[in-house]
């Protein structure tokens, strides 16, 4: 029976899709974990029954989404960063959104806010496993930097990592890190001034105090306040961007 127009694909495209699936299947079947070495190019060509050019094209596509890591001169390995492709895509579309109407950035922000707000009760349930000293050190470092008028992004991430790592879900931590990095990259381009360093430090101190007290309503309030600055900046319609040809 003839395939519908929507189902038709070129032979080369179909072969590439099948080849990528074959490589992924090989990784799974052999139980290769992140960082594990894959067979050599020659071995893969022989095992998969393909020539060098289509194999290289397939491996490049798999590298783009973080499934494999090609280290020229050393070999090919199972990717250690499963969300690298997601991060690159979100950063790209976020950058486009900065020059548009902020829709994509607002959507991304909503996902991040819903995720972290949904973790409040789980954070408190894991309170006995939290490294309160690490959380305190991070906030104190942020406050000290704020007194000098300096931001402290490294300490900001250190705080969030210490807050969520005890949950024992690496995917949650990876997702939050992706969101954190994307917003850190886009923040300078957003409309309106960023929150002052002392404001950021104060919001993190409120989260810490609520966690230390085991106070869920206070933690929910502090988490909401933590996102308020970005929420307000994204609510402002960005200025129109000049899109004349040649940047004129």
C-alpha atoms as a PDB file:
ATOM      1  CA  UNK A   1       0.000   0.000   0.000  1.00  0.00           C
ATOM      2  CA  UNK A   2       1.294   3.461  -0.876  1.00  0.00           C
ATOM      3  CA  UNK A   3       2.510   5.489   2.070  1.00  0.00           C
ATOM      4  CA  UNK A   4       0.821   8.815   2.821  1.00  0.00           C
ATOM      5  CA  UNK A   5       2.647  12.034   2.031  1.00  0.00           C
ATOM      6  CA  UNK A   6       3.308  12.621   5.736  1.00  0.00           C
ATOM      7  CA  UNK A   7       4.991   9.237   6.059  1.00  0.00           C
ATOM      8  CA  UNK A   8       7.293   9.551   3.071  1.00  0.00           C
ATOM      9  CA  UNK A   9      10.951  10.135   3.836  1.00  0.00           C
ATOM     10  CA  UNK A  10      13.978   9.994   1.641  1.00  0.00           C
ATOM     11  CA  UNK A  11      16.079   6.858   1.670  1.00  0.00           C
ATOM     12  CA  UNK A  12      19.126   8.706   2.980  1.00  0.00           C
ATOM     13  CA  UNK A  13      17.133  10.338   5.788  1.00  0.00           C
ATOM     14  CA  UNK A  14      15.524   7.035   6.750  1.00  0.00           C
ATOM     15  CA  UNK A  15      18.894   5.296   6.721  1.00  0.00           C
ATOM     16  CA  UNK A  16      20.399   7.976   8.956  1.00  0.00           C
ATOM     17  CA  UNK A  17      17.557   7.604  11.437  1.00  0.00           C
ATOM     18  CA  UNK A  18      17.984   3.838  11.470  1.00  0.00           C
ATOM     19  CA  UNK A  19      21.746   4.174  11.867  1.00  0.00           C
ATOM     20  CA  UNK A  20      21.399   6.504  14.849  1.00  0.00           C
ATOM     21  CA  UNK A  21      18.946   4.075  16.435  1.00  0.00           C
ATOM     22  CA  UNK A  22      21.378   1.205  15.781  1.00  0.00           C
ATOM     23  CA  UNK A  23      24.187   3.028  17.583  1.00  0.00           C
ATOM     24  CA  UNK A  24      21.905   3.817  20.538  1.00  0.00           C
ATOM     25  CA  UNK A  25      20.761   0.206  20.578  1.00  0.00           C
ATOM     26  CA  UNK A  26      24.358  -0.985  20.677  1.00  0.00           C
ATOM     27  CA  UNK A  27      25.114   1.268  23.663  1.00  0.00           C
ATOM     28  CA  UNK A  28      22.063  -0.013  25.558  1.00  0.00           C
ATOM     29  CA  UNK A  29      22.621  -3.667  24.647  1.00  0.00           C
ATOM     30  CA  UNK A  30      26.208  -3.572  25.884  1.00  0.00           C
ATOM     31  CA  UNK A  31      25.288  -1.740  29.069  1.00  0.00           C
ATOM     32  CA  UNK A  32      27.716   1.113  28.373  1.00  0.00           C
ATOM     33  CA  UNK A  33      27.386   3.893  30.923  1.00  0.00           C
ATOM     34  CA  UNK A  34      28.294   7.585  30.662  1.00  0.00           C
ATOM     35  CA  UNK A  35      31.970   7.994  29.800  1.00  0.00           C
ATOM     36  CA  UNK A  36      32.374   4.411  28.558  1.00  0.00           C
ATOM     37  CA  UNK A  37      34.388   3.922  25.382  1.00  0.00           C
ATOM     38  CA  UNK A  38      32.556   2.923  22.199  1.00  0.00           C
ATOM     39  CA  UNK A  39      34.012   0.545  19.606  1.00  0.00           C
ATOM     40  CA  UNK A  40      36.372   2.161  17.102  1.00  0.00           C
ATOM     41  CA  UNK A  41      35.040   3.649  13.896  1.00  0.00           C
ATOM     42  CA  UNK A  42      36.278   0.645  11.910  1.00  0.00           C
ATOM     43  CA  UNK A  43      34.640  -1.769  14.343  1.00  0.00           C
ATOM     44  CA  UNK A  44      31.340   0.114  14.173  1.00  0.00           C
ATOM     45  CA  UNK A  45      31.462   0.189  10.370  1.00  0.00           C
ATOM     46  CA  UNK A  46      31.914  -3.576  10.307  1.00  0.00           C
ATOM     47  CA  UNK A  47      29.341  -4.349  12.988  1.00  0.00           C
ATOM     48  CA  UNK A  48      26.676  -2.036  11.587  1.00  0.00           C
ATOM     49  CA  UNK A  49      27.442  -2.734   7.944  1.00  0.00           C
ATOM     50  CA  UNK A  50      27.875   0.896   6.913  1.00  0.00           C
ATOM     51  CA  UNK A  51      30.542   3.021   5.280  1.00  0.00           C
ATOM     52  CA  UNK A  52      32.546   5.749   6.990  1.00  0.00           C
ATOM     53  CA  UNK A  53      30.642   8.833   5.763  1.00  0.00           C
ATOM     54  CA  UNK A  54      27.104   7.893   6.924  1.00  0.00           C
ATOM     55  CA  UNK A  55      28.508   6.618  10.224  1.00  0.00           C
ATOM     56  CA  UNK A  56      30.275   9.908  10.866  1.00  0.00           C
ATOM     57  CA  UNK A  57      27.124  11.846  10.027  1.00  0.00           C
ATOM     58  CA  UNK A  58      25.134   9.738  12.473  1.00  0.00           C
ATOM     59  CA  UNK A  59      27.732  10.160  15.212  1.00  0.00           C
ATOM     60  CA  UNK A  60      27.761  13.937  14.738  1.00  0.00           C
ATOM     61  CA  UNK A  61      23.985  13.993  15.146  1.00  0.00           C
ATOM     62  CA  UNK A  62      24.223  11.877  18.299  1.00  0.00           C
ATOM     63  CA  UNK A  63      26.942  14.136  19.666  1.00  0.00           C
ATOM     64  CA  UNK A  64      24.720  17.190  19.121  1.00  0.00           C
ATOM     65  CA  UNK A  65      22.151  15.787  21.558  1.00  0.00           C
ATOM     66  CA  UNK A  66      24.713  14.571  24.105  1.00  0.00           C
ATOM     67  CA  UNK A  67      24.374  10.837  23.463  1.00  0.00           C
ATOM     68  CA  UNK A  68      28.003  10.423  22.414  1.00  0.00           C
ATOM     69  CA  UNK A  69      31.137  12.429  23.075  1.00  0.00           C
ATOM     70  CA  UNK A  70      33.637  12.485  20.208  1.00  0.00           C
ATOM     71  CA  UNK A  71      37.167  13.242  21.419  1.00  0.00           C
ATOM     72  CA  UNK A  72      39.315  13.639  18.351  1.00  0.00           C
ATOM     73  CA  UNK A  73      42.525  11.685  18.632  1.00  0.00           C
ATOM     74  CA  UNK A  74      41.215   9.664  21.564  1.00  0.00           C
ATOM     75  CA  UNK A  75      37.989   7.958  20.555  1.00  0.00           C
ATOM     76  CA  UNK A  76      34.242   8.131  21.022  1.00  0.00           C
ATOM     77  CA  UNK A  77      32.530   7.753  24.391  1.00  0.00           C
ATOM     78  CA  UNK A  78      29.021   7.572  25.759  1.00  0.00           C
ATOM     79  CA  UNK A  79      27.944  11.114  26.555  1.00  0.00           C
ATOM     80  CA  UNK A  80      28.172  12.130  30.186  1.00  0.00           C
ATOM     81  CA  UNK A  81      25.844  15.115  29.850  1.00  0.00           C
ATOM     82  CA  UNK A  82      22.392  13.797  28.855  1.00  0.00           C
ATOM     83  CA  UNK A  83      20.824  17.272  28.835  1.00  0.00           C
ATOM     84  CA  UNK A  84      23.526  19.097  26.876  1.00  0.00           C
ATOM     85  CA  UNK A  85      21.383  19.123  23.732  1.00  0.00           C
ATOM     86  CA  UNK A  86      18.392  20.408  25.696  1.00  0.00           C
ATOM     87  CA  UNK A  87      20.461  23.186  27.244  1.00  0.00           C
ATOM     88  CA  UNK A  88      21.820  24.317  23.881  1.00  0.00           C
ATOM     89  CA  UNK A  89      18.343  24.347  22.359  1.00  0.00           C
ATOM     90  CA  UNK A  90      16.775  26.249  25.258  1.00  0.00           C
ATOM     91  CA  UNK A  91      19.584  28.800  25.249  1.00  0.00           C
ATOM     92  CA  UNK A  92      19.196  29.338  21.504  1.00  0.00           C
ATOM     93  CA  UNK A  93      15.417  29.765  21.596  1.00  0.00           C
ATOM     94  CA  UNK A  94      15.725  31.906  24.706  1.00  0.00           C
ATOM     95  CA  UNK A  95      18.155  34.195  22.889  1.00  0.00           C
ATOM     96  CA  UNK A  96      15.670  34.504  20.024  1.00  0.00           C
ATOM     97  CA  UNK A  97      12.904  35.210  22.528  1.00  0.00           C
ATOM     98  CA  UNK A  98      14.920  38.057  24.059  1.00  0.00           C
ATOM     99  CA  UNK A  99      14.768  39.697  20.647  1.00  0.00           C
ATOM    100  CA  UNK A 100      11.070  38.926  20.336  1.00  0.00           C
ATOM    101  CA  UNK A 101       8.170  38.939  22.767  1.00  0.00           C
ATOM    102  CA  UNK A 102       9.647  36.851  25.638  1.00  0.00           C
ATOM    103  CA  UNK A 103       7.098  34.061  25.086  1.00  0.00           C
ATOM    104  CA  UNK A 104       9.650  31.235  25.046  1.00  0.00           C
ATOM    105  CA  UNK A 105      11.486  32.647  28.066  1.00  0.00           C
ATOM    106  CA  UNK A 106       8.235  33.036  30.007  1.00  0.00           C
ATOM    107  CA  UNK A 107       7.307  29.434  29.210  1.00  0.00           C
ATOM    108  CA  UNK A 108      10.726  28.196  30.318  1.00  0.00           C
ATOM    109  CA  UNK A 109      10.534  30.254  33.500  1.00  0.00           C
ATOM    110  CA  UNK A 110       7.105  28.812  34.297  1.00  0.00           C
ATOM    111  CA  UNK A 111       8.445  25.263  33.984  1.00  0.00           C
ATOM    112  CA  UNK A 112      11.359  26.068  36.282  1.00  0.00           C
ATOM    113  CA  UNK A 113       9.139  27.765  38.853  1.00  0.00           C
ATOM    114  CA  UNK A 114       6.597  24.917  38.864  1.00  0.00           C
ATOM    115  CA  UNK A 115       9.397  22.363  39.242  1.00  0.00           C
ATOM    116  CA  UNK A 116      11.073  24.062  42.197  1.00  0.00           C
ATOM    117  CA  UNK A 117       7.800  24.986  43.913  1.00  0.00           C
ATOM    118  CA  UNK A 118       6.759  21.352  43.579  1.00  0.00           C
ATOM    119  CA  UNK A 119       9.914  20.236  45.395  1.00  0.00           C
ATOM    120  CA  UNK A 120       9.260  22.205  48.591  1.00  0.00           C
ATOM    121  CA  UNK A 121       7.731  19.338  50.545  1.00  0.00           C
ATOM    122  CA  UNK A 122      10.382  16.906  49.297  1.00  0.00           C
ATOM    123  CA  UNK A 123      13.186  19.246  50.399  1.00  0.00           C
ATOM    124  CA  UNK A 124      11.723  19.393  53.906  1.00  0.00           C
ATOM    125  CA  UNK A 125      11.221  15.627  53.948  1.00  0.00           C
ATOM    126  CA  UNK A 126      14.951  15.279  53.196  1.00  0.00           C
ATOM    127  CA  UNK A 127      15.953  17.891  55.786  1.00  0.00           C
ATOM    128  CA  UNK A 128      17.987  15.419  57.841  1.00  0.00           C
ATOM    129  CA  UNK A 129      20.137  14.769  54.749  1.00  0.00           C
ATOM    130  CA  UNK A 130      20.670  18.417  53.839  1.00  0.00           C
ATOM    131  CA  UNK A 131      24.126  19.885  54.269  1.00  0.00           C
ATOM    132  CA  UNK A 132      23.038  22.937  56.264  1.00  0.00           C
ATOM    133  CA  UNK A 133      26.660  24.020  56.660  1.00  0.00           C
ATOM    134  CA  UNK A 134      27.125  24.155  52.880  1.00  0.00           C
ATOM    135  CA  UNK A 135      23.861  26.061  52.461  1.00  0.00           C
ATOM    136  CA  UNK A 136      24.874  28.517  55.193  1.00  0.00           C
ATOM    137  CA  UNK A 137      28.345  29.007  53.729  1.00  0.00           C
ATOM    138  CA  UNK A 138      26.880  29.737  50.291  1.00  0.00           C
ATOM    139  CA  UNK A 139      24.435  32.327  51.639  1.00  0.00           C
ATOM    140  CA  UNK A 140      27.103  33.936  53.824  1.00  0.00           C
ATOM    141  CA  UNK A 141      29.418  34.212  50.805  1.00  0.00           C
ATOM    142  CA  UNK A 142      26.587  35.818  48.817  1.00  0.00           C
ATOM    143  CA  UNK A 143      25.972  38.318  51.601  1.00  0.00           C
ATOM    144  CA  UNK A 144      29.662  39.176  51.845  1.00  0.00           C
ATOM    145  CA  UNK A 145      29.872  39.681  48.094  1.00  0.00           C
ATOM    146  CA  UNK A 146      26.729  41.838  48.215  1.00  0.00           C
ATOM    147  CA  UNK A 147      28.361  44.125  50.763  1.00  0.00           C
ATOM    148  CA  UNK A 148      31.009  44.801  48.118  1.00  0.00           C
ATOM    149  CA  UNK A 149      28.294  45.319  45.517  1.00  0.00           C
ATOM    150  CA  UNK A 150      29.272  42.121  43.696  1.00  0.00           C
ATOM    151  CA  UNK A 151      27.043  39.317  42.432  1.00  0.00           C
ATOM    152  CA  UNK A 152      27.962  35.777  43.449  1.00  0.00           C
ATOM    153  CA  UNK A 153      26.659  33.403  40.762  1.00  0.00           C
ATOM    154  CA  UNK A 154      28.953  30.538  41.779  1.00  0.00           C
ATOM    155  CA  UNK A 155      27.622  30.651  45.337  1.00  0.00           C
ATOM    156  CA  UNK A 156      24.075  30.976  44.016  1.00  0.00           C
ATOM    157  CA  UNK A 157      24.412  27.664  42.153  1.00  0.00           C
ATOM    158  CA  UNK A 158      26.285  26.093  45.074  1.00  0.00           C
ATOM    159  CA  UNK A 159      23.234  26.863  47.230  1.00  0.00           C
ATOM    160  CA  UNK A 160      20.749  25.292  44.826  1.00  0.00           C
ATOM    161  CA  UNK A 161      22.916  22.232  44.293  1.00  0.00           C
ATOM    162  CA  UNK A 162      23.197  21.671  48.058  1.00  0.00           C
ATOM    163  CA  UNK A 163      19.439  22.158  48.388  1.00  0.00           C
ATOM    164  CA  UNK A 164      18.394  19.608  45.763  1.00  0.00           C
ATOM    165  CA  UNK A 165      21.150  16.995  45.605  1.00  0.00           C
ATOM    166  CA  UNK A 166      19.934  15.195  48.779  1.00  0.00           C
ATOM    167  CA  UNK A 167      16.670  14.400  46.974  1.00  0.00           C
ATOM    168  CA  UNK A 168      18.607  11.666  45.203  1.00  0.00           C
ATOM    169  CA  UNK A 169      17.224  12.411  41.736  1.00  0.00           C
ATOM    170  CA  UNK A 170      20.056  13.371  39.401  1.00  0.00           C
ATOM    171  CA  UNK A 171      17.648  14.214  36.576  1.00  0.00           C
ATOM    172  CA  UNK A 172      15.917  16.824  38.724  1.00  0.00           C
ATOM    173  CA  UNK A 173      19.285  18.334  39.613  1.00  0.00           C
ATOM    174  CA  UNK A 174      20.402  18.294  35.964  1.00  0.00           C
ATOM    175  CA  UNK A 175      17.181  19.985  34.833  1.00  0.00           C
ATOM    176  CA  UNK A 176      17.447  22.701  37.474  1.00  0.00           C
ATOM    177  CA  UNK A 177      21.061  23.283  36.490  1.00  0.00           C
ATOM    178  CA  UNK A 178      20.075  23.612  32.826  1.00  0.00           C
ATOM    179  CA  UNK A 179      17.385  26.159  33.712  1.00  0.00           C
ATOM    180  CA  UNK A 180      19.783  28.008  36.021  1.00  0.00           C
ATOM    181  CA  UNK A 181      22.510  28.231  33.355  1.00  0.00           C
ATOM    182  CA  UNK A 182      20.122  29.353  30.622  1.00  0.00           C
ATOM    183  CA  UNK A 183      18.679  32.140  32.770  1.00  0.00           C
ATOM    184  CA  UNK A 184      22.147  33.195  33.923  1.00  0.00           C
ATOM    185  CA  UNK A 185      23.136  33.539  30.267  1.00  0.00           C
ATOM    186  CA  UNK A 186      19.995  35.438  29.254  1.00  0.00           C
ATOM    187  CA  UNK A 187      19.642  37.639  32.352  1.00  0.00           C
ATOM    188  CA  UNK A 188      21.794  40.556  31.122  1.00  0.00           C
ATOM    189  CA  UNK A 189      19.622  40.930  28.020  1.00  0.00           C
ATOM    190  CA  UNK A 190      16.262  41.079  29.833  1.00  0.00           C
ATOM    191  CA  UNK A 191      14.339  44.331  30.122  1.00  0.00           C
ATOM    192  CA  UNK A 192      14.781  46.248  33.352  1.00  0.00           C
ATOM    193  CA  UNK A 193      17.487  46.052  36.003  1.00  0.00           C
ATOM    194  CA  UNK A 194      18.464  42.753  37.558  1.00  0.00           C
ATOM    195  CA  UNK A 195      17.890  42.268  41.267  1.00  0.00           C
ATOM    196  CA  UNK A 196      20.589  43.823  43.418  1.00  0.00           C
ATOM    197  CA  UNK A 197      23.095  41.395  44.968  1.00  0.00           C
ATOM    198  CA  UNK A 198      21.806  42.136  48.470  1.00  0.00           C
ATOM    199  CA  UNK A 199      18.242  41.316  47.364  1.00  0.00           C
ATOM    200  CA  UNK A 200      19.342  37.987  45.894  1.00  0.00           C
ATOM    201  CA  UNK A 201      21.283  37.143  49.051  1.00  0.00           C
ATOM    202  CA  UNK A 202      18.311  38.073  51.244  1.00  0.00           C
ATOM    203  CA  UNK A 203      15.982  35.820  49.256  1.00  0.00           C
ATOM    204  CA  UNK A 204      18.341  32.874  49.623  1.00  0.00           C
ATOM    205  CA  UNK A 205      18.698  33.582  53.344  1.00  0.00           C
ATOM    206  CA  UNK A 206      14.891  33.394  53.654  1.00  0.00           C
ATOM    207  CA  UNK A 207      14.891  29.978  51.969  1.00  0.00           C
ATOM    208  CA  UNK A 208      17.636  28.776  54.294  1.00  0.00           C
ATOM    209  CA  UNK A 209      15.837  30.043  57.399  1.00  0.00           C
ATOM    210  CA  UNK A 210      12.609  28.311  56.368  1.00  0.00           C
ATOM    211  CA  UNK A 211      14.429  25.035  55.672  1.00  0.00           C
ATOM    212  CA  UNK A 212      16.267  25.215  58.972  1.00  0.00           C
ATOM    213  CA  UNK A 213      12.959  25.791  60.793  1.00  0.00           C
ATOM    214  CA  UNK A 214      11.150  23.072  58.836  1.00  0.00           C
ATOM    215  CA  UNK A 215       8.429  25.629  58.079  1.00  0.00           C
ATOM    216  CA  UNK A 216       6.673  24.602  54.847  1.00  0.00           C
ATOM    217  CA  UNK A 217       4.444  27.713  54.434  1.00  0.00           C
ATOM    218  CA  UNK A 218       7.495  29.935  54.977  1.00  0.00           C
ATOM    219  CA  UNK A 219       9.516  27.903  52.480  1.00  0.00           C
ATOM    220  CA  UNK A 220       6.764  28.151  49.873  1.00  0.00           C
ATOM    221  CA  UNK A 221       6.610  31.906  50.408  1.00  0.00           C
ATOM    222  CA  UNK A 222      10.402  32.252  50.208  1.00  0.00           C
ATOM    223  CA  UNK A 223      10.529  30.131  47.055  1.00  0.00           C
ATOM    224  CA  UNK A 224       7.854  32.298  45.437  1.00  0.00           C
ATOM    225  CA  UNK A 225       9.755  35.436  46.475  1.00  0.00           C
ATOM    226  CA  UNK A 226      12.953  33.968  45.023  1.00  0.00           C
ATOM    227  CA  UNK A 227      11.347  34.002  41.570  1.00  0.00           C
ATOM    228  CA  UNK A 228       9.545  37.316  41.918  1.00  0.00           C
ATOM    229  CA  UNK A 229      12.325  39.441  40.450  1.00  0.00           C
ATOM    230  CA  UNK A 230      12.580  37.438  37.235  1.00  0.00           C
ATOM    231  CA  UNK A 231       8.787  37.173  37.033  1.00  0.00           C
ATOM    232  CA  UNK A 232       8.441  40.958  37.174  1.00  0.00           C
ATOM    233  CA  UNK A 233      11.108  41.505  34.530  1.00  0.00           C
ATOM    234  CA  UNK A 234       9.464  39.007  32.182  1.00  0.00           C
ATOM    235  CA  UNK A 235       6.094  40.721  32.677  1.00  0.00           C
ATOM    236  CA  UNK A 236       7.485  43.857  31.027  1.00  0.00           C
ATOM    237  CA  UNK A 237       6.954  43.888  27.281  1.00  0.00           C
ATOM    238  CA  UNK A 238      10.418  44.154  25.737  1.00  0.00           C
ATOM    239  CA  UNK A 239      11.279  47.109  23.573  1.00  0.00           C
ATOM    240  CA  UNK A 240      10.899  46.522  19.853  1.00  0.00           C
ATOM    241  CA  UNK A 241      14.082  45.268  18.241  1.00  0.00           C
ATOM    242  CA  UNK A 242      15.279  46.825  15.029  1.00  0.00           C
ATOM    243  CA  UNK A 243      15.193  44.046  12.456  1.00  0.00           C
ATOM    244  CA  UNK A 244      16.127  46.104   9.409  1.00  0.00           C
ATOM    245  CA  UNK A 245      18.319  44.315   6.833  1.00  0.00           C
ATOM    246  CA  UNK A 246      22.026  44.383   7.526  1.00  0.00           C
ATOM    247  CA  UNK A 247      21.367  45.628  11.052  1.00  0.00           C
ATOM    248  CA  UNK A 248      20.566  49.123   9.766  1.00  0.00           C
END
